[in-house]
C-alpha atoms as a PDB file:
ATOM      1  CA  MET A   1      97.617  84.916 109.084  1.00  0.00           C
ATOM      2  CA  THR A   2      95.035  84.641 111.866  1.00  0.00           C
ATOM      3  CA  ALA A   3      91.432  85.601 111.151  1.00  0.00           C
ATOM      4  CA  TYR A   4      91.244  89.302 110.400  1.00  0.00           C
ATOM      5  CA  PRO A   5      88.866  91.268 112.685  1.00  0.00           C
ATOM      6  CA  SER A   6      85.491  92.311 111.278  1.00  0.00           C
ATOM      7  CA  PRO A   7      84.890  95.914 110.170  1.00  0.00           C
ATOM      8  CA  ARG A   8      82.705  96.503 113.224  1.00  0.00           C
ATOM      9  CA  ALA A   9      85.364  95.130 115.576  1.00  0.00           C
ATOM     10  CA  LEU A  10      88.084  97.307 114.049  1.00  0.00           C
ATOM     11  CA  LEU A  11      85.979 100.459 114.138  1.00  0.00           C
ATOM     12  CA  GLU A  12      85.242  99.827 117.798  1.00  0.00           C
ATOM     13  CA  LYS A  13      88.883  98.969 118.583  1.00  0.00           C
ATOM     14  CA  TYR A  14      90.177 102.225 117.104  1.00  0.00           C
ATOM     15  CA  ASP A  15      87.145 104.306 118.149  1.00  0.00           C
ATOM     16  CA  LEU A  16      86.246 105.221 114.564  1.00  0.00           C
ATOM     17  CA  GLN A  17      83.178 105.627 112.384  1.00  0.00           C
ATOM     18  CA  ALA A  18      82.755 105.349 108.632  1.00  0.00           C
ATOM     19  CA  LYS A  19      83.008 108.784 107.008  1.00  0.00           C
ATOM     20  CA  LYS A  20      80.027 109.322 104.726  1.00  0.00           C
ATOM     21  CA  SER A  21      81.670 112.310 103.051  1.00  0.00           C
ATOM     22  CA  TRP A  22      84.517 110.018 101.967  1.00  0.00           C
ATOM     23  CA  GLY A  23      82.178 107.316 100.694  1.00  0.00           C
ATOM     24  CA  GLN A  24      83.473 104.773 103.230  1.00  0.00           C
ATOM     25  CA  ASN A  25      81.665 101.422 103.165  1.00  0.00           C
ATOM     26  CA  PHE A  26      83.716  98.514 104.492  1.00  0.00           C
ATOM     27  CA  LEU A  27      83.503  95.025 102.978  1.00  0.00           C
ATOM     28  CA  GLY A  28      84.208  92.241 105.445  1.00  0.00           C
ATOM     29  CA  ASP A  29      82.813  89.180 103.616  1.00  0.00           C
ATOM     30  CA  VAL A  30      85.815  86.831 103.372  1.00  0.00           C
ATOM     31  CA  GLU A  31      84.435  84.855 100.418  1.00  0.00           C
ATOM     32  CA  ILE A  32      83.905  87.990  98.333  1.00  0.00           C
ATOM     33  CA  LEU A  33      87.255  89.428  99.430  1.00  0.00           C
ATOM     34  CA  ASP A  34      89.010  86.202  98.418  1.00  0.00           C
ATOM     35  CA  ALA A  35      87.330  86.335  95.004  1.00  0.00           C
ATOM     36  CA  ILE A  36      88.520  89.893  94.461  1.00  0.00           C
ATOM     37  CA  ALA A  37      92.046  88.976  95.590  1.00  0.00           C
ATOM     38  CA  ARG A  38      92.138  86.057  93.127  1.00  0.00           C
ATOM     39  CA  LEU A  39      91.023  88.327  90.287  1.00  0.00           C
ATOM     40  CA  ALA A  40      93.725  90.852  91.139  1.00  0.00           C
ATOM     41  CA  MET A  41      96.406  88.196  91.627  1.00  0.00           C
ATOM     42  CA  PRO A  42      95.511  85.009  89.664  1.00  0.00           C
ATOM     43  CA  GLU A  43      98.902  83.497  90.479  1.00  0.00           C
ATOM     44  CA  PRO A  44     100.555  83.767  93.900  1.00  0.00           C
ATOM     45  CA  GLY A  45     103.059  86.574  94.293  1.00  0.00           C
ATOM     46  CA  GLY A  46     103.447  89.766  92.295  1.00  0.00           C
ATOM     47  CA  ARG A  47     102.980  93.426  93.114  1.00  0.00           C
ATOM     48  CA  VAL A  48      99.550  94.917  93.740  1.00  0.00           C
ATOM     49  CA  VAL A  49      98.628  98.546  94.332  1.00  0.00           C
ATOM     50  CA  GLU A  50      95.505  98.696  96.486  1.00  0.00           C
ATOM     51  CA  LEU A  51      93.620 101.984  96.239  1.00  0.00           C
ATOM     52  CA  GLY A  52      91.806 103.076  99.381  1.00  0.00           C
ATOM     53  CA  ALA A  53      92.966 100.183 101.565  1.00  0.00           C
ATOM     54  CA  GLY A  54      90.667 101.313 104.385  1.00  0.00           C
ATOM     55  CA  LEU A  55      90.582  98.918 107.335  1.00  0.00           C
ATOM     56  CA  GLY A  56      92.770  96.391 105.523  1.00  0.00           C
ATOM     57  CA  HIS A  57      90.341  93.551 104.829  1.00  0.00           C
ATOM     58  CA  LEU A  58      91.231  93.157 101.147  1.00  0.00           C
ATOM     59  CA  THR A  59      94.865  93.903 101.993  1.00  0.00           C
ATOM     60  CA  ALA A  60      94.903  90.906 104.321  1.00  0.00           C
ATOM     61  CA  ARG A  61      93.486  88.577 101.648  1.00  0.00           C
ATOM     62  CA  LEU A  62      96.055  89.802  99.118  1.00  0.00           C
ATOM     63  CA  LEU A  63      98.822  89.037 101.617  1.00  0.00           C
ATOM     64  CA  VAL A  64      97.445  85.512 102.037  1.00  0.00           C
ATOM     65  CA  ARG A  65      97.992  85.079  98.282  1.00  0.00           C
ATOM     66  CA  GLY A  66     101.621  86.111  98.676  1.00  0.00           C
ATOM     67  CA  ALA A  67     101.226  89.498  97.022  1.00  0.00           C
ATOM     68  CA  GLU A  68     103.586  92.389  97.600  1.00  0.00           C
ATOM     69  CA  VAL A  69     101.028  95.032  98.541  1.00  0.00           C
ATOM     70  CA  ILE A  70     101.400  98.780  98.199  1.00  0.00           C
ATOM     71  CA  ALA A  71      98.437 100.047 100.224  1.00  0.00           C
ATOM     72  CA  VAL A  72      97.346 103.559  99.248  1.00  0.00           C
ATOM     73  CA  GLU A  73      95.280 105.365 101.873  1.00  0.00           C
ATOM     74  CA  ARG A  74      94.864 109.105 102.417  1.00  0.00           C
ATOM     75  CA  ASP A  75      92.673 108.888 105.533  1.00  0.00           C
ATOM     76  CA  ARG A  76      94.984 109.167 108.530  1.00  0.00           C
ATOM     77  CA  ASP A  77      92.573 107.218 110.715  1.00  0.00           C
ATOM     78  CA  MET A  78      92.564 104.310 108.258  1.00  0.00           C
ATOM     79  CA  ALA A  79      96.348 104.508 107.954  1.00  0.00           C
ATOM     80  CA  ARG A  80      96.558 104.139 111.723  1.00  0.00           C
ATOM     81  CA  VAL A  81      94.499 100.941 111.528  1.00  0.00           C
ATOM     82  CA  LEU A  82      96.639  99.555 108.715  1.00  0.00           C
ATOM     83  CA  ARG A  83      99.823 100.198 110.641  1.00  0.00           C
ATOM     84  CA  GLY A  84      98.350  98.711 113.795  1.00  0.00           C
ATOM     85  CA  GLU A  85      96.969  95.554 112.178  1.00  0.00           C
ATOM     86  CA  LEU A  86      99.399  94.814 109.343  1.00  0.00           C
ATOM     87  CA  GLY A  87     102.576  96.659 110.313  1.00  0.00           C
ATOM     88  CA  GLU A  88     105.557  95.996 108.071  1.00  0.00           C
ATOM     89  CA  ARG A  89     103.771  93.361 105.996  1.00  0.00           C
ATOM     90  CA  VAL A  90     102.566  96.070 103.631  1.00  0.00           C
ATOM     91  CA  ARG A  91     104.090  99.181 102.147  1.00  0.00           C
ATOM     92  CA  LEU A  92     101.769 101.969 103.240  1.00  0.00           C
ATOM     93  CA  LEU A  93     101.569 104.991 100.982  1.00  0.00           C
ATOM     94  CA  GLU A  94      99.613 107.845 102.544  1.00  0.00           C
ATOM     95  CA  ALA A  95      98.559 109.580  99.340  1.00  0.00           C
ATOM     96  CA  ASP A  96      95.603 110.440  97.143  1.00  0.00           C
ATOM     97  CA  ALA A  97      94.639 107.555  94.849  1.00  0.00           C
ATOM     98  CA  VAL A  98      94.134 110.036  91.995  1.00  0.00           C
ATOM     99  CA  GLY A  99      97.343 110.979  90.214  1.00  0.00           C
ATOM    100  CA  LEU A 100      99.516 108.063  91.313  1.00  0.00           C
ATOM    101  CA  ASP A 101     102.672 107.353  89.325  1.00  0.00           C
ATOM    102  CA  TYR A 102     102.081 103.688  88.505  1.00  0.00           C
ATOM    103  CA  ARG A 103     105.248 103.465  86.452  1.00  0.00           C
ATOM    104  CA  ALA A 104     107.294 104.530  89.470  1.00  0.00           C
ATOM    105  CA  LEU A 105     105.446 102.096  91.725  1.00  0.00           C
ATOM    106  CA  ALA A 106     106.066  99.270  89.263  1.00  0.00           C
ATOM    107  CA  THR A 107     109.786  99.867  89.017  1.00  0.00           C
ATOM    108  CA  SER A 108     110.509 100.744  92.650  1.00  0.00           C
ATOM    109  CA  THR A 109     112.570  98.376  94.757  1.00  0.00           C
ATOM    110  CA  PRO A 110     112.592  95.721  96.076  1.00  0.00           C
ATOM    111  CA  MET A 111     112.030  93.374  93.151  1.00  0.00           C
ATOM    112  CA  PRO A 112     110.936  95.882  90.492  1.00  0.00           C
ATOM    113  CA  ALA A 113     108.084  94.666  88.302  1.00  0.00           C
ATOM    114  CA  ARG A 114     107.422  95.442  84.671  1.00  0.00           C
ATOM    115  CA  ARG A 115     103.698  95.768  85.235  1.00  0.00           C
ATOM    116  CA  ILE A 116     101.503  95.813  88.318  1.00  0.00           C
ATOM    117  CA  ALA A 117      97.918  95.023  89.252  1.00  0.00           C
ATOM    118  CA  VAL A 118      95.648  97.723  90.656  1.00  0.00           C
ATOM    119  CA  VAL A 119      92.707  96.887  92.900  1.00  0.00           C
ATOM    120  CA  GLY A 120      90.336  98.803  95.130  1.00  0.00           C
ATOM    121  CA  ASN A 121      86.870  99.772  96.306  1.00  0.00           C
ATOM    122  CA  LEU A 122      86.262 103.037  94.445  1.00  0.00           C
ATOM    123  CA  PRO A 123      83.790 105.718  95.473  1.00  0.00           C
ATOM    124  CA  TYR A 124      81.648 106.961  92.597  1.00  0.00           C
ATOM    125  CA  HIS A 125      83.222 110.422  92.305  1.00  0.00           C
ATOM    126  CA  LEU A 126      86.742 109.008  91.912  1.00  0.00           C
ATOM    127  CA  THR A 127      85.986 106.342  89.304  1.00  0.00           C
ATOM    128  CA  SER A 128      86.553 108.460  86.187  1.00  0.00           C
ATOM    129  CA  PRO A 129      89.780 110.239  87.256  1.00  0.00           C
ATOM    130  CA  ILE A 130      91.325 106.972  88.461  1.00  0.00           C
ATOM    131  CA  LEU A 131      90.420 105.165  85.248  1.00  0.00           C
ATOM    132  CA  PHE A 132      91.890 107.958  83.129  1.00  0.00           C
ATOM    133  CA  SER A 133      95.080 107.852  85.203  1.00  0.00           C
ATOM    134  CA  ILE A 134      95.378 104.105  84.644  1.00  0.00           C
ATOM    135  CA  LEU A 135      94.699 104.441  80.912  1.00  0.00           C
ATOM    136  CA  ASP A 136      97.407 107.111  80.696  1.00  0.00           C
ATOM    137  CA  GLN A 137      99.857 104.633  82.233  1.00  0.00           C
ATOM    138  CA  ALA A 138      98.499 101.405  80.756  1.00  0.00           C
ATOM    139  CA  ASP A 139     102.002 100.223  79.896  1.00  0.00           C
ATOM    140  CA  ALA A 140     102.670  99.845  83.644  1.00  0.00           C
ATOM    141  CA  VAL A 141      99.372  98.163  84.618  1.00  0.00           C
ATOM    142  CA  SER A 142      98.540  94.555  83.821  1.00  0.00           C
ATOM    143  CA  ARG A 143      95.035  94.454  85.265  1.00  0.00           C
ATOM    144  CA  ALA A 144      92.581  96.545  87.233  1.00  0.00           C
ATOM    145  CA  VAL A 145      89.982  95.025  89.551  1.00  0.00           C
ATOM    146  CA  PHE A 146      87.549  97.465  91.094  1.00  0.00           C
ATOM    147  CA  LEU A 147      84.555  97.249  93.374  1.00  0.00           C
ATOM    148  CA  LEU A 148      82.136  99.835  91.979  1.00  0.00           C
ATOM    149  CA  GLN A 149      78.509 100.822  92.055  1.00  0.00           C
ATOM    150  CA  ARG A 150      76.771  98.139  90.025  1.00  0.00           C
ATOM    151  CA  GLU A 151      75.410 100.609  87.474  1.00  0.00           C
ATOM    152  CA  VAL A 152      78.891 102.060  86.890  1.00  0.00           C
ATOM    153  CA  ALA A 153      80.478  98.638  86.465  1.00  0.00           C
ATOM    154  CA  GLU A 154      77.804  97.600  83.978  1.00  0.00           C
ATOM    155  CA  ARG A 155      78.323 100.797  81.964  1.00  0.00           C
ATOM    156  CA  LEU A 156      82.061 100.173  81.741  1.00  0.00           C
ATOM    157  CA  ALA A 157      81.486  96.609  80.545  1.00  0.00           C
ATOM    158  CA  ALA A 158      78.594  97.532  78.207  1.00  0.00           C
ATOM    159  CA  ARG A 159      78.436  96.578  74.543  1.00  0.00           C
ATOM    160  CA  PRO A 160      77.904  98.831  71.502  1.00  0.00           C
ATOM    161  CA  GLY A 161      74.321  99.657  70.656  1.00  0.00           C
ATOM    162  CA  THR A 162      73.123  99.662  74.255  1.00  0.00           C
ATOM    163  CA  LYS A 163      72.087 102.668  76.324  1.00  0.00           C
ATOM    164  CA  ALA A 164      74.925 101.955  78.759  1.00  0.00           C
ATOM    165  CA  TRP A 165      77.596 102.176  76.019  1.00  0.00           C
ATOM    166  CA  GLY A 166      79.402 105.490  76.373  1.00  0.00           C
ATOM    167  CA  LEU A 167      82.654 107.416  76.576  1.00  0.00           C
ATOM    168  CA  LEU A 168      84.338 105.442  79.352  1.00  0.00           C
ATOM    169  CA  SER A 169      83.130 102.135  77.889  1.00  0.00           C
ATOM    170  CA  VAL A 170      84.905 102.924  74.613  1.00  0.00           C
ATOM    171  CA  LEU A 171      88.085 104.293  76.170  1.00  0.00           C
ATOM    172  CA  LEU A 172      88.517 101.450  78.668  1.00  0.00           C
ATOM    173  CA  GLN A 173      87.681  98.723  76.170  1.00  0.00           C
ATOM    174  CA  HIS A 174      90.128 100.251  73.702  1.00  0.00           C
ATOM    175  CA  ARG A 175      92.891  99.109  76.066  1.00  0.00           C
ATOM    176  CA  ALA A 176      91.343  96.264  78.045  1.00  0.00           C
ATOM    177  CA  GLU A 177      89.167  93.171  78.068  1.00  0.00           C
ATOM    178  CA  VAL A 178      86.434  94.162  80.507  1.00  0.00           C
ATOM    179  CA  ARG A 179      83.825  92.124  82.355  1.00  0.00           C
ATOM    180  CA  VAL A 180      81.602  92.270  85.414  1.00  0.00           C
ATOM    181  CA  ALA A 181      82.996  89.395  87.489  1.00  0.00           C
ATOM    182  CA  ARG A 182      80.326  89.314  90.190  1.00  0.00           C
ATOM    183  CA  ARG A 183      77.658  91.344  91.912  1.00  0.00           C
ATOM    184  CA  VAL A 184      77.929  92.357  95.557  1.00  0.00           C
ATOM    185  CA  PRO A 185      74.786  93.139  97.579  1.00  0.00           C
ATOM    186  CA  ALA A 186      74.616  96.267  99.684  1.00  0.00           C
ATOM    187  CA  GLY A 187      74.211  94.146 102.816  1.00  0.00           C
ATOM    188  CA  ALA A 188      77.777  92.848 102.488  1.00  0.00           C
ATOM    189  CA  PHE A 189      79.108  96.264 103.567  1.00  0.00           C
ATOM    190  CA  LEU A 190      79.266  98.162 106.844  1.00  0.00           C
ATOM    191  CA  PRO A 191      77.495 100.519 106.683  1.00  0.00           C
ATOM    192  CA  PRO A 192      75.374  99.284 103.747  1.00  0.00           C
ATOM    193  CA  PRO A 193      75.357 101.691 100.786  1.00  0.00           C
ATOM    194  CA  ARG A 194      72.095 102.631  99.118  1.00  0.00           C
ATOM    195  CA  VAL A 195      72.939 100.724  95.943  1.00  0.00           C
ATOM    196  CA  ASP A 196      74.324  97.317  95.053  1.00  0.00           C
ATOM    197  CA  SER A 197      77.898  96.990  93.855  1.00  0.00           C
ATOM    198  CA  ALA A 198      79.780  94.844  91.368  1.00  0.00           C
ATOM    199  CA  VAL A 199      83.341  93.720  90.779  1.00  0.00           C
ATOM    200  CA  LEU A 200      84.776  94.916  87.466  1.00  0.00           C
ATOM    201  CA  ALA A 201      87.792  93.071  86.061  1.00  0.00           C
ATOM    202  CA  ALA A 202      89.861  94.649  83.268  1.00  0.00           C
ATOM    203  CA  GLU A 203      92.856  92.919  81.662  1.00  0.00           C
ATOM    204  CA  LEU A 204      94.983  95.620  80.036  1.00  0.00           C
ATOM    205  CA  GLY A 205      97.005  95.079  76.905  1.00  0.00           C
ATOM    206  CA  GLU A 206      97.745  96.579  73.513  1.00  0.00           C
ATOM    207  CA  PRO A 207      95.050  98.805  71.970  1.00  0.00           C
ATOM    208  CA  VAL A 208      92.243  96.968  70.199  1.00  0.00           C
ATOM    209  CA  ALA A 209      92.971  99.170  67.177  1.00  0.00           C
ATOM    210  CA  PRO A 210      95.686 101.772  66.604  1.00  0.00           C
ATOM    211  CA  VAL A 211      95.065 105.510  66.822  1.00  0.00           C
ATOM    212  CA  LEU A 212      97.285 108.378  65.692  1.00  0.00           C
ATOM    213  CA  ASP A 213      96.707 110.615  68.700  1.00  0.00           C
ATOM    214  CA  VAL A 214      95.234 109.346  71.988  1.00  0.00           C
ATOM    215  CA  ALA A 215      94.123 112.797  73.164  1.00  0.00           C
ATOM    216  CA  ARG A 216      92.312 113.425  69.864  1.00  0.00           C
ATOM    217  CA  PHE A 217      90.743 109.959  70.047  1.00  0.00           C
ATOM    218  CA  ARG A 218      89.298 110.821  73.455  1.00  0.00           C
ATOM    219  CA  ARG A 219      87.985 114.182  72.267  1.00  0.00           C
ATOM    220  CA  LEU A 220      86.407 112.527  69.258  1.00  0.00           C
ATOM    221  CA  VAL A 221      84.602 109.867  71.285  1.00  0.00           C
ATOM    222  CA  LYS A 222      83.500 112.446  73.857  1.00  0.00           C
ATOM    223  CA  ALA A 223      82.027 114.601  71.101  1.00  0.00           C
ATOM    224  CA  GLY A 224      80.253 111.616  69.576  1.00  0.00           C
ATOM    225  CA  PHE A 225      78.457 110.891  72.841  1.00  0.00           C
ATOM    226  CA  ALA A 226      77.902 114.489  73.963  1.00  0.00           C
ATOM    227  CA  GLN A 227      74.492 114.665  72.295  1.00  0.00           C
ATOM    228  CA  ARG A 228      73.303 111.085  72.024  1.00  0.00           C
ATOM    229  CA  ARG A 229      70.120 111.921  70.113  1.00  0.00           C
ATOM    230  CA  LYS A 230      72.072 113.455  67.269  1.00  0.00           C
ATOM    231  CA  THR A 231      73.495 111.460  64.400  1.00  0.00           C
ATOM    232  CA  LEU A 232      77.230 110.882  64.417  1.00  0.00           C
ATOM    233  CA  GLY A 233      77.793 113.441  61.658  1.00  0.00           C
ATOM    234  CA  ASN A 234      75.774 116.152  63.361  1.00  0.00           C
ATOM    235  CA  ALA A 235      77.295 115.514  66.792  1.00  0.00           C
ATOM    236  CA  LEU A 236      80.838 115.782  65.431  1.00  0.00           C
ATOM    237  CA  ARG A 237      80.023 118.856  63.356  1.00  0.00           C
ATOM    238  CA  ALA A 238      78.617 120.545  66.470  1.00  0.00           C
ATOM    239  CA  ALA A 239      81.888 119.850  68.314  1.00  0.00           C
ATOM    240  CA  ARG A 240      83.920 121.561  65.562  1.00  0.00           C
ATOM    241  CA  LEU A 241      86.981 119.400  66.155  1.00  0.00           C
ATOM    242  CA  VAL A 242      88.079 119.648  62.527  1.00  0.00           C
ATOM    243  CA  PRO A 243      86.882 121.424  59.386  1.00  0.00           C
ATOM    244  CA  GLU A 244      83.794 119.979  57.687  1.00  0.00           C
ATOM    245  CA  GLU A 245      85.636 118.650  54.629  1.00  0.00           C
ATOM    246  CA  ARG A 246      88.181 116.864  56.818  1.00  0.00           C
ATOM    247  CA  LEU A 247      85.439 115.292  58.930  1.00  0.00           C
ATOM    248  CA  GLN A 248      83.595 114.095  55.838  1.00  0.00           C
ATOM    249  CA  ALA A 249      86.800 112.603  54.444  1.00  0.00           C
ATOM    250  CA  ALA A 250      87.429 110.781  57.734  1.00  0.00           C
ATOM    251  CA  LEU A 251      83.929 109.316  57.792  1.00  0.00           C
ATOM    252  CA  THR A 252      84.369 108.111  54.222  1.00  0.00           C
ATOM    253  CA  ALA A 253      87.821 106.669  54.928  1.00  0.00           C
ATOM    254  CA  ALA A 254      86.466 104.773  57.941  1.00  0.00           C
ATOM    255  CA  GLY A 255      83.493 103.502  55.956  1.00  0.00           C
ATOM    256  CA  LEU A 256      81.008 105.076  58.371  1.00  0.00           C
ATOM    257  CA  ASP A 257      77.542 106.359  57.583  1.00  0.00           C
ATOM    258  CA  PRO A 258      77.218 109.819  59.214  1.00  0.00           C
ATOM    259  CA  ARG A 259      73.547 109.056  59.862  1.00  0.00           C
ATOM    260  CA  ARG A 260      74.463 106.440  62.446  1.00  0.00           C
ATOM    261  CA  ARG A 261      74.486 107.368  66.122  1.00  0.00           C
ATOM    262  CA  GLY A 262      77.685 107.334  68.127  1.00  0.00           C
ATOM    263  CA  GLU A 263      76.384 104.681  70.494  1.00  0.00           C
ATOM    264  CA  THR A 264      76.289 102.141  67.642  1.00  0.00           C
ATOM    265  CA  LEU A 265      80.010 102.366  66.842  1.00  0.00           C
ATOM    266  CA  GLU A 266      82.366  99.678  68.090  1.00  0.00           C
ATOM    267  CA  VAL A 267      85.798 100.499  69.498  1.00  0.00           C
ATOM    268  CA  ALA A 268      87.579  99.637  66.243  1.00  0.00           C
ATOM    269  CA  GLU A 269      85.231 101.936  64.295  1.00  0.00           C
ATOM    270  CA  TRP A 270      85.991 104.861  66.605  1.00  0.00           C
ATOM    271  CA  ALA A 271      89.692 104.197  66.118  1.00  0.00           C
ATOM    272  CA  ALA A 272      89.271 104.017  62.331  1.00  0.00           C
ATOM    273  CA  LEU A 273      87.464 107.356  62.391  1.00  0.00           C
ATOM    274  CA  GLU A 274      90.292 108.969  64.365  1.00  0.00           C
ATOM    275  CA  ARG A 275      92.898 107.606  61.920  1.00  0.00           C
ATOM    276  CA  GLY A 276      90.784 108.898  59.071  1.00  0.00           C
ATOM    277  CA  LEU A 277      91.399 112.439  60.299  1.00  0.00           C
ATOM    278  CA  GLY A 278      95.045 112.033  59.314  1.00  0.00           C
ATOM    279  CA  GLU A 279      98.151 113.084  61.203  1.00  0.00           C
ATOM    280  CA  PRO A 280      97.300 115.663  63.868  1.00  0.00           C
ATOM    281  CA  GLU A 281      98.447 119.171  63.241  1.00  0.00           C
ATOM    282  CA  PRO A 282     101.247 120.422  65.529  1.00  0.00           C
ATOM    283  CA  GLU A 283      99.974 122.630  68.330  1.00  0.00           C
END
């Protein structure tokens, strides 16, 4: 593939501007793009779903690595650029990145895959819904590599006992090995955002520890972090997820001191607490 045009050149060619309301900041640094492509596709080949393909700069680097790329882009102007620059080399899906059926994308022809990689530059307001969608379909996703606001990436990769450790940290790390792979300065983008970014790499697999009911597990963790100044026991009592005696029994079964704070619990301890509640009652 010949050198891909810069973001500025493509915007001028198609008479476009970055849409602030859509959180559009275009990364054109080839070295950083290559690093992200390698994280998403460590070995040549394979199927990758790229969320918010934009002007196609990461798409082009994924193609260089021999990936089969499904480029998801809801902006019609960006879709026009992708068609004009990459044509039939990618499968363009003009859709919202939230609510994708990853299982269907993994098993679609040609060459259906058991699991796929997901990669993309995510605007802040879409990070949580996209992560929940991926967690709901973790059996179809092998890895997720996202360019995020640096603070968000560091929260997702945080460790127990830190101020950054929270709901999404627990839920993502329950299903994935998570790390901040590299930092990306604001100046690498056009236009530059107001904050620095970072590349988050998550390798998805089996849960770190089993739970009886995933939805209840999420509600439990959410309640534990809802009022961070409260002790674990008081925070969960305030949420009224289960009767007091059942909560106390679960804490005892999990070997947890109710005077601890939720932010000190590791993923396996949250899972043990959920199991300690026993089989969920039918709704």
